[in-house]
């Protein structure tokens, strides 16, 4: 009887740990150079919906736009990273979509960025991205230097934040991802 009780406690602990881990965000690979000061910004709740940018030849500044899960409205995280050059832009996933990834160009700086969004209702089970409806039809901002890169959250996951480094320009960028619970 004692052994059965211990086994049930172990199973309960494992289930609790698995549930807690499913709620933890993880970092993707970063793209860009090695300069600048480290930054990270995560949505307080809900998923990332887009970015606030300043851009010209490079991405000068980056900020996060989030979805308020209660109202469904896009809210801007007022923390921005980088310099004051370039022109101001906002880019947001269309209604019913959340941020899944970024595409762009980078070398020693982040030269160009555009969103990869996913229809929230199609974000599938872990490790299965085949049935996810991706949308790449968003404007690109920045210049044409550097090498092409693409970074995405895993199957069943969407972006909840950004991380990297920045100074006068955005030196490096990556995503924080989390299980959507779908």
C-alpha atoms as a PDB file:
ATOM      1  CA  UNK A   1       0.000   0.000   0.000  1.00  0.00           C
ATOM      2  CA  UNK A   2       2.841   2.417   0.894  1.00  0.00           C
ATOM      3  CA  UNK A   3       4.528   1.730  -2.461  1.00  0.00           C
ATOM      4  CA  UNK A   4       1.319   2.490  -4.377  1.00  0.00           C
ATOM      5  CA  UNK A   5       0.945   5.773  -2.459  1.00  0.00           C
ATOM      6  CA  UNK A   6       4.546   6.794  -3.301  1.00  0.00           C
ATOM      7  CA  UNK A   7       3.971   5.987  -6.975  1.00  0.00           C
ATOM      8  CA  UNK A   8       0.871   8.183  -7.059  1.00  0.00           C
ATOM      9  CA  UNK A   9       2.811  11.038  -5.459  1.00  0.00           C
ATOM     10  CA  UNK A  10       5.555  10.714  -8.099  1.00  0.00           C
ATOM     11  CA  UNK A  11       2.971  10.752 -10.907  1.00  0.00           C
ATOM     12  CA  UNK A  12       1.282  13.822  -9.398  1.00  0.00           C
ATOM     13  CA  UNK A  13       4.641  15.610  -9.181  1.00  0.00           C
ATOM     14  CA  UNK A  14       5.474  14.756 -12.797  1.00  0.00           C
ATOM     15  CA  UNK A  15       2.101  16.051 -14.021  1.00  0.00           C
ATOM     16  CA  UNK A  16       2.498  19.267 -12.042  1.00  0.00           C
ATOM     17  CA  UNK A  17       6.020  19.764 -13.435  1.00  0.00           C
ATOM     18  CA  UNK A  18       4.875  19.086 -17.022  1.00  0.00           C
ATOM     19  CA  UNK A  19       2.049  21.614 -16.652  1.00  0.00           C
ATOM     20  CA  UNK A  20       4.434  24.225 -15.220  1.00  0.00           C
ATOM     21  CA  UNK A  21       6.987  23.651 -17.997  1.00  0.00           C
ATOM     22  CA  UNK A  22       4.326  24.070 -20.694  1.00  0.00           C
ATOM     23  CA  UNK A  23       3.822  27.598 -19.339  1.00  0.00           C
ATOM     24  CA  UNK A  24       7.523  28.550 -19.613  1.00  0.00           C
ATOM     25  CA  UNK A  25       8.737  30.708 -22.498  1.00  0.00           C
ATOM     26  CA  UNK A  26      11.925  29.731 -24.361  1.00  0.00           C
ATOM     27  CA  UNK A  27      14.394  31.672 -26.511  1.00  0.00           C
ATOM     28  CA  UNK A  28      15.001  31.129 -30.207  1.00  0.00           C
ATOM     29  CA  UNK A  29      18.342  31.654 -31.882  1.00  0.00           C
ATOM     30  CA  UNK A  30      19.396  35.296 -32.310  1.00  0.00           C
ATOM     31  CA  UNK A  31      20.510  36.805 -35.634  1.00  0.00           C
ATOM     32  CA  UNK A  32      22.872  39.753 -36.104  1.00  0.00           C
ATOM     33  CA  UNK A  33      26.181  40.869 -34.632  1.00  0.00           C
ATOM     34  CA  UNK A  34      27.809  40.922 -31.223  1.00  0.00           C
ATOM     35  CA  UNK A  35      27.590  44.633 -30.271  1.00  0.00           C
ATOM     36  CA  UNK A  36      25.082  46.566 -28.205  1.00  0.00           C
ATOM     37  CA  UNK A  37      23.488  46.067 -24.810  1.00  0.00           C
ATOM     38  CA  UNK A  38      21.339  43.004 -24.082  1.00  0.00           C
ATOM     39  CA  UNK A  39      17.565  43.536 -24.122  1.00  0.00           C
ATOM     40  CA  UNK A  40      14.456  41.459 -23.650  1.00  0.00           C
ATOM     41  CA  UNK A  41      10.790  42.345 -23.667  1.00  0.00           C
ATOM     42  CA  UNK A  42       7.911  39.958 -23.041  1.00  0.00           C
ATOM     43  CA  UNK A  43       4.142  40.471 -23.254  1.00  0.00           C
ATOM     44  CA  UNK A  44       2.643  40.709 -19.750  1.00  0.00           C
ATOM     45  CA  UNK A  45      -0.056  38.258 -20.843  1.00  0.00           C
ATOM     46  CA  UNK A  46      -1.198  36.973 -24.211  1.00  0.00           C
ATOM     47  CA  UNK A  47       0.892  36.670 -27.351  1.00  0.00           C
ATOM     48  CA  UNK A  48       2.965  39.042 -29.470  1.00  0.00           C
ATOM     49  CA  UNK A  49       1.036  40.624 -32.305  1.00  0.00           C
ATOM     50  CA  UNK A  50       3.692  42.720 -34.023  1.00  0.00           C
ATOM     51  CA  UNK A  51       6.522  45.228 -33.729  1.00  0.00           C
ATOM     52  CA  UNK A  52       7.128  48.962 -33.462  1.00  0.00           C
ATOM     53  CA  UNK A  53      10.220  49.854 -35.474  1.00  0.00           C
ATOM     54  CA  UNK A  54      12.427  52.700 -36.587  1.00  0.00           C
ATOM     55  CA  UNK A  55      14.266  51.769 -39.771  1.00  0.00           C
ATOM     56  CA  UNK A  56      16.226  53.064 -42.734  1.00  0.00           C
ATOM     57  CA  UNK A  57      19.347  51.202 -43.960  1.00  0.00           C
ATOM     58  CA  UNK A  58      19.281  49.178 -40.718  1.00  0.00           C
ATOM     59  CA  UNK A  59      16.727  48.494 -37.998  1.00  0.00           C
ATOM     60  CA  UNK A  60      17.378  51.447 -35.700  1.00  0.00           C
ATOM     61  CA  UNK A  61      14.892  50.618 -32.923  1.00  0.00           C
ATOM     62  CA  UNK A  62      12.575  47.749 -32.007  1.00  0.00           C
ATOM     63  CA  UNK A  63       9.607  47.440 -29.637  1.00  0.00           C
ATOM     64  CA  UNK A  64       6.935  44.822 -29.001  1.00  0.00           C
ATOM     65  CA  UNK A  65       3.174  44.927 -29.693  1.00  0.00           C
ATOM     66  CA  UNK A  66       1.069  42.444 -27.693  1.00  0.00           C
ATOM     67  CA  UNK A  67      -2.499  41.095 -27.649  1.00  0.00           C
ATOM     68  CA  UNK A  68      -4.540  41.753 -24.503  1.00  0.00           C
ATOM     69  CA  UNK A  69      -6.194  38.325 -23.988  1.00  0.00           C
ATOM     70  CA  UNK A  70      -9.200  39.860 -22.217  1.00  0.00           C
ATOM     71  CA  UNK A  71     -10.131  42.441 -24.856  1.00  0.00           C
ATOM     72  CA  UNK A  72      -8.293  41.100 -27.916  1.00  0.00           C
ATOM     73  CA  UNK A  73      -6.898  44.615 -28.516  1.00  0.00           C
ATOM     74  CA  UNK A  74      -3.340  45.267 -29.606  1.00  0.00           C
ATOM     75  CA  UNK A  75      -1.378  46.999 -26.876  1.00  0.00           C
ATOM     76  CA  UNK A  76       2.085  48.426 -27.238  1.00  0.00           C
ATOM     77  CA  UNK A  77       4.795  47.569 -24.771  1.00  0.00           C
ATOM     78  CA  UNK A  78       6.345  51.015 -24.297  1.00  0.00           C
ATOM     79  CA  UNK A  79       9.881  49.651 -23.941  1.00  0.00           C
ATOM     80  CA  UNK A  80      11.872  50.243 -27.117  1.00  0.00           C
ATOM     81  CA  UNK A  81      15.480  49.252 -27.804  1.00  0.00           C
ATOM     82  CA  UNK A  82      17.977  50.967 -30.107  1.00  0.00           C
ATOM     83  CA  UNK A  83      18.502  54.459 -31.501  1.00  0.00           C
ATOM     84  CA  UNK A  84      16.399  57.325 -32.799  1.00  0.00           C
ATOM     85  CA  UNK A  85      17.345  57.262 -36.493  1.00  0.00           C
ATOM     86  CA  UNK A  86      15.242  56.085 -39.419  1.00  0.00           C
ATOM     87  CA  UNK A  87      11.497  56.399 -39.910  1.00  0.00           C
ATOM     88  CA  UNK A  88       8.862  55.108 -37.478  1.00  0.00           C
ATOM     89  CA  UNK A  89       6.724  52.093 -38.450  1.00  0.00           C
ATOM     90  CA  UNK A  90       4.353  49.649 -36.819  1.00  0.00           C
ATOM     91  CA  UNK A  91       3.682  46.235 -38.288  1.00  0.00           C
ATOM     92  CA  UNK A  92       0.944  44.048 -36.858  1.00  0.00           C
ATOM     93  CA  UNK A  93      -0.418  40.577 -37.664  1.00  0.00           C
ATOM     94  CA  UNK A  94      -3.938  40.723 -39.074  1.00  0.00           C
ATOM     95  CA  UNK A  95      -6.996  39.895 -36.962  1.00  0.00           C
ATOM     96  CA  UNK A  96      -7.010  36.291 -35.715  1.00  0.00           C
ATOM     97  CA  UNK A  97      -3.245  35.905 -36.236  1.00  0.00           C
ATOM     98  CA  UNK A  98      -0.318  36.111 -33.791  1.00  0.00           C
ATOM     99  CA  UNK A  99       3.438  36.396 -34.283  1.00  0.00           C
ATOM    100  CA  UNK A 100       5.102  33.073 -35.167  1.00  0.00           C
ATOM    101  CA  UNK A 101       8.459  34.240 -36.498  1.00  0.00           C
ATOM    102  CA  UNK A 102      10.651  36.831 -38.161  1.00  0.00           C
ATOM    103  CA  UNK A 103      12.425  36.938 -41.499  1.00  0.00           C
ATOM    104  CA  UNK A 104      15.062  39.419 -42.436  1.00  0.00           C
ATOM    105  CA  UNK A 105      18.657  40.165 -43.244  1.00  0.00           C
ATOM    106  CA  UNK A 106      21.550  40.589 -40.832  1.00  0.00           C
ATOM    107  CA  UNK A 107      25.317  40.770 -40.543  1.00  0.00           C
ATOM    108  CA  UNK A 108      26.923  42.855 -37.774  1.00  0.00           C
ATOM    109  CA  UNK A 109      23.523  44.584 -37.384  1.00  0.00           C
ATOM    110  CA  UNK A 110      19.921  43.670 -38.152  1.00  0.00           C
ATOM    111  CA  UNK A 111      19.441  45.093 -41.649  1.00  0.00           C
ATOM    112  CA  UNK A 112      15.817  44.142 -42.397  1.00  0.00           C
ATOM    113  CA  UNK A 113      12.781  42.593 -40.665  1.00  0.00           C
ATOM    114  CA  UNK A 114       9.317  41.374 -41.555  1.00  0.00           C
ATOM    115  CA  UNK A 115       6.735  39.344 -39.642  1.00  0.00           C
ATOM    116  CA  UNK A 116       5.682  35.731 -40.057  1.00  0.00           C
ATOM    117  CA  UNK A 117       2.239  35.348 -38.476  1.00  0.00           C
ATOM    118  CA  UNK A 118       0.122  32.274 -37.783  1.00  0.00           C
ATOM    119  CA  UNK A 119      -3.633  31.948 -37.599  1.00  0.00           C
ATOM    120  CA  UNK A 120      -4.160  31.428 -33.889  1.00  0.00           C
ATOM    121  CA  UNK A 121      -6.917  28.838 -34.437  1.00  0.00           C
ATOM    122  CA  UNK A 122      -4.561  26.647 -36.531  1.00  0.00           C
ATOM    123  CA  UNK A 123      -1.586  26.582 -34.174  1.00  0.00           C
ATOM    124  CA  UNK A 124      -1.263  22.850 -33.812  1.00  0.00           C
ATOM    125  CA  UNK A 125      -0.014  20.301 -31.324  1.00  0.00           C
ATOM    126  CA  UNK A 126       3.628  20.208 -30.307  1.00  0.00           C
ATOM    127  CA  UNK A 127       6.120  19.451 -33.091  1.00  0.00           C
ATOM    128  CA  UNK A 128       3.489  19.586 -35.843  1.00  0.00           C
ATOM    129  CA  UNK A 129       3.556  22.698 -38.001  1.00  0.00           C
ATOM    130  CA  UNK A 130       2.020  21.155 -41.146  1.00  0.00           C
ATOM    131  CA  UNK A 131      -1.539  22.290 -40.375  1.00  0.00           C
ATOM    132  CA  UNK A 132      -0.581  25.765 -39.150  1.00  0.00           C
ATOM    133  CA  UNK A 133      -1.767  28.514 -41.486  1.00  0.00           C
ATOM    134  CA  UNK A 134       1.210  30.883 -41.881  1.00  0.00           C
ATOM    135  CA  UNK A 135       0.996  34.367 -43.371  1.00  0.00           C
ATOM    136  CA  UNK A 136       4.147  35.987 -44.794  1.00  0.00           C
ATOM    137  CA  UNK A 137       2.360  38.925 -46.459  1.00  0.00           C
ATOM    138  CA  UNK A 138       3.692  41.758 -44.332  1.00  0.00           C
ATOM    139  CA  UNK A 139       5.873  44.700 -45.317  1.00  0.00           C
ATOM    140  CA  UNK A 140       9.629  44.491 -44.831  1.00  0.00           C
ATOM    141  CA  UNK A 141      11.472  47.334 -43.138  1.00  0.00           C
ATOM    142  CA  UNK A 142      15.170  48.230 -43.351  1.00  0.00           C
ATOM    143  CA  UNK A 143      17.907  47.800 -45.937  1.00  0.00           C
ATOM    144  CA  UNK A 144      19.230  45.111 -48.242  1.00  0.00           C
ATOM    145  CA  UNK A 145      22.595  44.341 -46.590  1.00  0.00           C
ATOM    146  CA  UNK A 146      23.531  41.216 -44.678  1.00  0.00           C
ATOM    147  CA  UNK A 147      22.460  37.615 -45.162  1.00  0.00           C
ATOM    148  CA  UNK A 148      18.902  36.262 -45.170  1.00  0.00           C
ATOM    149  CA  UNK A 149      17.634  34.671 -41.931  1.00  0.00           C
ATOM    150  CA  UNK A 150      14.387  33.163 -40.735  1.00  0.00           C
ATOM    151  CA  UNK A 151      13.471  32.292 -37.153  1.00  0.00           C
ATOM    152  CA  UNK A 152      10.225  30.682 -35.957  1.00  0.00           C
ATOM    153  CA  UNK A 153       8.670  29.330 -32.805  1.00  0.00           C
ATOM    154  CA  UNK A 154       8.140  25.562 -32.737  1.00  0.00           C
ATOM    155  CA  UNK A 155       4.931  23.656 -33.485  1.00  0.00           C
ATOM    156  CA  UNK A 156       2.070  24.624 -31.187  1.00  0.00           C
ATOM    157  CA  UNK A 157       3.985  27.724 -30.052  1.00  0.00           C
ATOM    158  CA  UNK A 158       3.779  31.456 -30.785  1.00  0.00           C
ATOM    159  CA  UNK A 159       5.907  34.475 -29.851  1.00  0.00           C
ATOM    160  CA  UNK A 160       5.435  36.205 -26.504  1.00  0.00           C
ATOM    161  CA  UNK A 161       8.489  38.458 -26.673  1.00  0.00           C
ATOM    162  CA  UNK A 162      11.743  39.576 -28.252  1.00  0.00           C
ATOM    163  CA  UNK A 163      15.363  39.491 -27.106  1.00  0.00           C
ATOM    164  CA  UNK A 164      18.753  40.493 -28.474  1.00  0.00           C
ATOM    165  CA  UNK A 165      21.074  43.476 -28.191  1.00  0.00           C
ATOM    166  CA  UNK A 166      20.909  47.097 -29.331  1.00  0.00           C
ATOM    167  CA  UNK A 167      22.703  50.433 -29.108  1.00  0.00           C
ATOM    168  CA  UNK A 168      22.433  53.039 -31.890  1.00  0.00           C
ATOM    169  CA  UNK A 169      20.968  50.244 -34.037  1.00  0.00           C
ATOM    170  CA  UNK A 170      19.467  46.833 -33.322  1.00  0.00           C
ATOM    171  CA  UNK A 171      22.533  44.599 -33.291  1.00  0.00           C
ATOM    172  CA  UNK A 172      20.786  41.241 -32.746  1.00  0.00           C
ATOM    173  CA  UNK A 173      17.212  39.895 -32.547  1.00  0.00           C
ATOM    174  CA  UNK A 174      15.469  36.672 -31.517  1.00  0.00           C
ATOM    175  CA  UNK A 175      12.083  35.612 -30.135  1.00  0.00           C
ATOM    176  CA  UNK A 176      10.660  34.351 -26.852  1.00  0.00           C
ATOM    177  CA  UNK A 177       8.157  31.566 -27.631  1.00  0.00           C
ATOM    178  CA  UNK A 178       5.493  29.789 -25.606  1.00  0.00           C
ATOM    179  CA  UNK A 179       2.952  26.998 -26.021  1.00  0.00           C
ATOM    180  CA  UNK A 180      -0.395  28.415 -27.140  1.00  0.00           C
ATOM    181  CA  UNK A 181      -2.340  25.781 -25.246  1.00  0.00           C
ATOM    182  CA  UNK A 182      -4.236  24.782 -28.426  1.00  0.00           C
END
